[in-house]
């Protein structure tokens, strides 16, 4: 697992982490805002799991986006760092 994660880290920063950083939130704060666990956010950012969001989570993300003057249209089509590099 460590080797796979190291390879992923070399690909670049995951778009979800970039988004979270724009919000100025820790993984725990972001997770709480969207109704999931910090461990889940960590796995998404590391590329261990592909992010999938419930409607309630998308609404929470939409509220966060609007607070920064952005919309859901500003989100990338893929949140996986590996997927965005292929």
C-alpha atoms as a PDB file:
ATOM      1  CA  UNK A   1       0.000   0.000   0.000  1.00  0.00           C
ATOM      2  CA  UNK A   2       2.806   2.459   0.817  1.00  0.00           C
ATOM      3  CA  UNK A   3       4.337   1.991  -2.629  1.00  0.00           C
ATOM      4  CA  UNK A   4       1.010   2.685  -4.359  1.00  0.00           C
ATOM      5  CA  UNK A   5       0.425   5.788  -2.250  1.00  0.00           C
ATOM      6  CA  UNK A   6       3.956   7.091  -2.999  1.00  0.00           C
ATOM      7  CA  UNK A   7       3.333   6.679  -6.732  1.00  0.00           C
ATOM      8  CA  UNK A   8       0.072   8.620  -6.394  1.00  0.00           C
ATOM      9  CA  UNK A   9       1.791  11.397  -4.453  1.00  0.00           C
ATOM     10  CA  UNK A  10       4.218  11.848  -7.331  1.00  0.00           C
ATOM     11  CA  UNK A  11       1.285  12.455  -9.704  1.00  0.00           C
ATOM     12  CA  UNK A  12       0.293  15.688  -7.970  1.00  0.00           C
ATOM     13  CA  UNK A  13      -2.170  17.191  -5.553  1.00  0.00           C
ATOM     14  CA  UNK A  14      -5.672  15.759  -5.706  1.00  0.00           C
ATOM     15  CA  UNK A  15      -8.283  18.270  -6.910  1.00  0.00           C
ATOM     16  CA  UNK A  16     -10.362  17.542  -3.807  1.00  0.00           C
ATOM     17  CA  UNK A  17      -7.443  18.577  -1.585  1.00  0.00           C
ATOM     18  CA  UNK A  18      -7.002  21.756  -3.620  1.00  0.00           C
ATOM     19  CA  UNK A  19     -10.691  22.511  -3.134  1.00  0.00           C
ATOM     20  CA  UNK A  20     -10.482  21.841   0.595  1.00  0.00           C
ATOM     21  CA  UNK A  21      -7.404  24.059   0.850  1.00  0.00           C
ATOM     22  CA  UNK A  22      -9.327  26.859  -0.908  1.00  0.00           C
ATOM     23  CA  UNK A  23     -11.944  26.558   1.831  1.00  0.00           C
ATOM     24  CA  UNK A  24      -9.157  26.791   4.426  1.00  0.00           C
ATOM     25  CA  UNK A  25     -10.365  23.636   6.138  1.00  0.00           C
ATOM     26  CA  UNK A  26      -8.714  20.616   7.667  1.00  0.00           C
ATOM     27  CA  UNK A  27      -9.855  17.192   6.525  1.00  0.00           C
ATOM     28  CA  UNK A  28     -11.843  16.898   9.739  1.00  0.00           C
ATOM     29  CA  UNK A  29     -13.580  20.272   9.250  1.00  0.00           C
ATOM     30  CA  UNK A  30     -14.392  19.505   5.608  1.00  0.00           C
ATOM     31  CA  UNK A  31     -15.682  16.053   6.519  1.00  0.00           C
ATOM     32  CA  UNK A  32     -17.915  17.493   9.240  1.00  0.00           C
ATOM     33  CA  UNK A  33     -19.303  20.110   6.847  1.00  0.00           C
ATOM     34  CA  UNK A  34     -20.282  17.542   4.221  1.00  0.00           C
ATOM     35  CA  UNK A  35     -21.351  14.755   6.579  1.00  0.00           C
ATOM     36  CA  UNK A  36     -18.616  12.155   6.265  1.00  0.00           C
ATOM     37  CA  UNK A  37     -15.526  11.121   8.205  1.00  0.00           C
ATOM     38  CA  UNK A  38     -12.046  12.639   8.070  1.00  0.00           C
ATOM     39  CA  UNK A  39     -10.746   9.158   7.230  1.00  0.00           C
ATOM     40  CA  UNK A  40     -12.982   9.054   4.160  1.00  0.00           C
ATOM     41  CA  UNK A  41     -11.722  12.468   3.031  1.00  0.00           C
ATOM     42  CA  UNK A  42      -8.150  11.276   3.586  1.00  0.00           C
ATOM     43  CA  UNK A  43      -8.757   8.181   1.462  1.00  0.00           C
ATOM     44  CA  UNK A  44     -10.308  10.286  -1.295  1.00  0.00           C
ATOM     45  CA  UNK A  45      -7.367  12.674  -1.321  1.00  0.00           C
ATOM     46  CA  UNK A  46      -4.820   9.848  -1.269  1.00  0.00           C
ATOM     47  CA  UNK A  47      -6.554   8.168  -4.194  1.00  0.00           C
ATOM     48  CA  UNK A  48      -7.391   5.072  -2.160  1.00  0.00           C
ATOM     49  CA  UNK A  49     -11.111   5.533  -2.875  1.00  0.00           C
ATOM     50  CA  UNK A  50     -12.948   7.391  -5.622  1.00  0.00           C
ATOM     51  CA  UNK A  51     -15.138  10.129  -4.151  1.00  0.00           C
ATOM     52  CA  UNK A  52     -18.875   9.634  -4.452  1.00  0.00           C
ATOM     53  CA  UNK A  53     -21.239  12.112  -2.887  1.00  0.00           C
ATOM     54  CA  UNK A  54     -24.807  11.900  -1.672  1.00  0.00           C
ATOM     55  CA  UNK A  55     -27.246  14.626  -2.623  1.00  0.00           C
ATOM     56  CA  UNK A  56     -26.973  16.066   0.902  1.00  0.00           C
ATOM     57  CA  UNK A  57     -23.177  16.154   0.549  1.00  0.00           C
ATOM     58  CA  UNK A  58     -23.421  17.889  -2.827  1.00  0.00           C
ATOM     59  CA  UNK A  59     -25.729  20.489  -1.307  1.00  0.00           C
ATOM     60  CA  UNK A  60     -23.175  21.060   1.477  1.00  0.00           C
ATOM     61  CA  UNK A  61     -20.378  21.391  -1.094  1.00  0.00           C
ATOM     62  CA  UNK A  62     -22.553  23.811  -3.056  1.00  0.00           C
ATOM     63  CA  UNK A  63     -22.992  25.978   0.063  1.00  0.00           C
ATOM     64  CA  UNK A  64     -19.227  25.961   0.632  1.00  0.00           C
ATOM     65  CA  UNK A  65     -18.590  26.850  -3.010  1.00  0.00           C
ATOM     66  CA  UNK A  66     -21.058  29.744  -2.885  1.00  0.00           C
ATOM     67  CA  UNK A  67     -19.377  31.084   0.250  1.00  0.00           C
ATOM     68  CA  UNK A  68     -16.226  31.457  -1.890  1.00  0.00           C
ATOM     69  CA  UNK A  69     -18.089  33.016  -4.823  1.00  0.00           C
ATOM     70  CA  UNK A  70     -17.984  29.829  -6.882  1.00  0.00           C
ATOM     71  CA  UNK A  71     -20.531  27.381  -8.209  1.00  0.00           C
ATOM     72  CA  UNK A  72     -20.656  23.642  -8.756  1.00  0.00           C
ATOM     73  CA  UNK A  73     -19.700  24.365 -12.361  1.00  0.00           C
ATOM     74  CA  UNK A  74     -16.259  25.382 -11.063  1.00  0.00           C
ATOM     75  CA  UNK A  75     -15.612  21.864  -9.753  1.00  0.00           C
ATOM     76  CA  UNK A  76     -13.376  19.547 -11.785  1.00  0.00           C
ATOM     77  CA  UNK A  77     -15.028  16.655 -13.598  1.00  0.00           C
ATOM     78  CA  UNK A  78     -12.766  14.217 -11.716  1.00  0.00           C
ATOM     79  CA  UNK A  79     -11.610  14.424  -8.099  1.00  0.00           C
ATOM     80  CA  UNK A  80      -9.060  11.640  -8.381  1.00  0.00           C
ATOM     81  CA  UNK A  81      -5.465  12.826  -8.854  1.00  0.00           C
ATOM     82  CA  UNK A  82      -4.736   9.674 -10.831  1.00  0.00           C
ATOM     83  CA  UNK A  83      -7.754  10.131 -13.128  1.00  0.00           C
ATOM     84  CA  UNK A  84      -6.932  13.757 -13.864  1.00  0.00           C
ATOM     85  CA  UNK A  85      -3.434  12.889 -15.065  1.00  0.00           C
ATOM     86  CA  UNK A  86      -4.503  10.193 -17.564  1.00  0.00           C
END
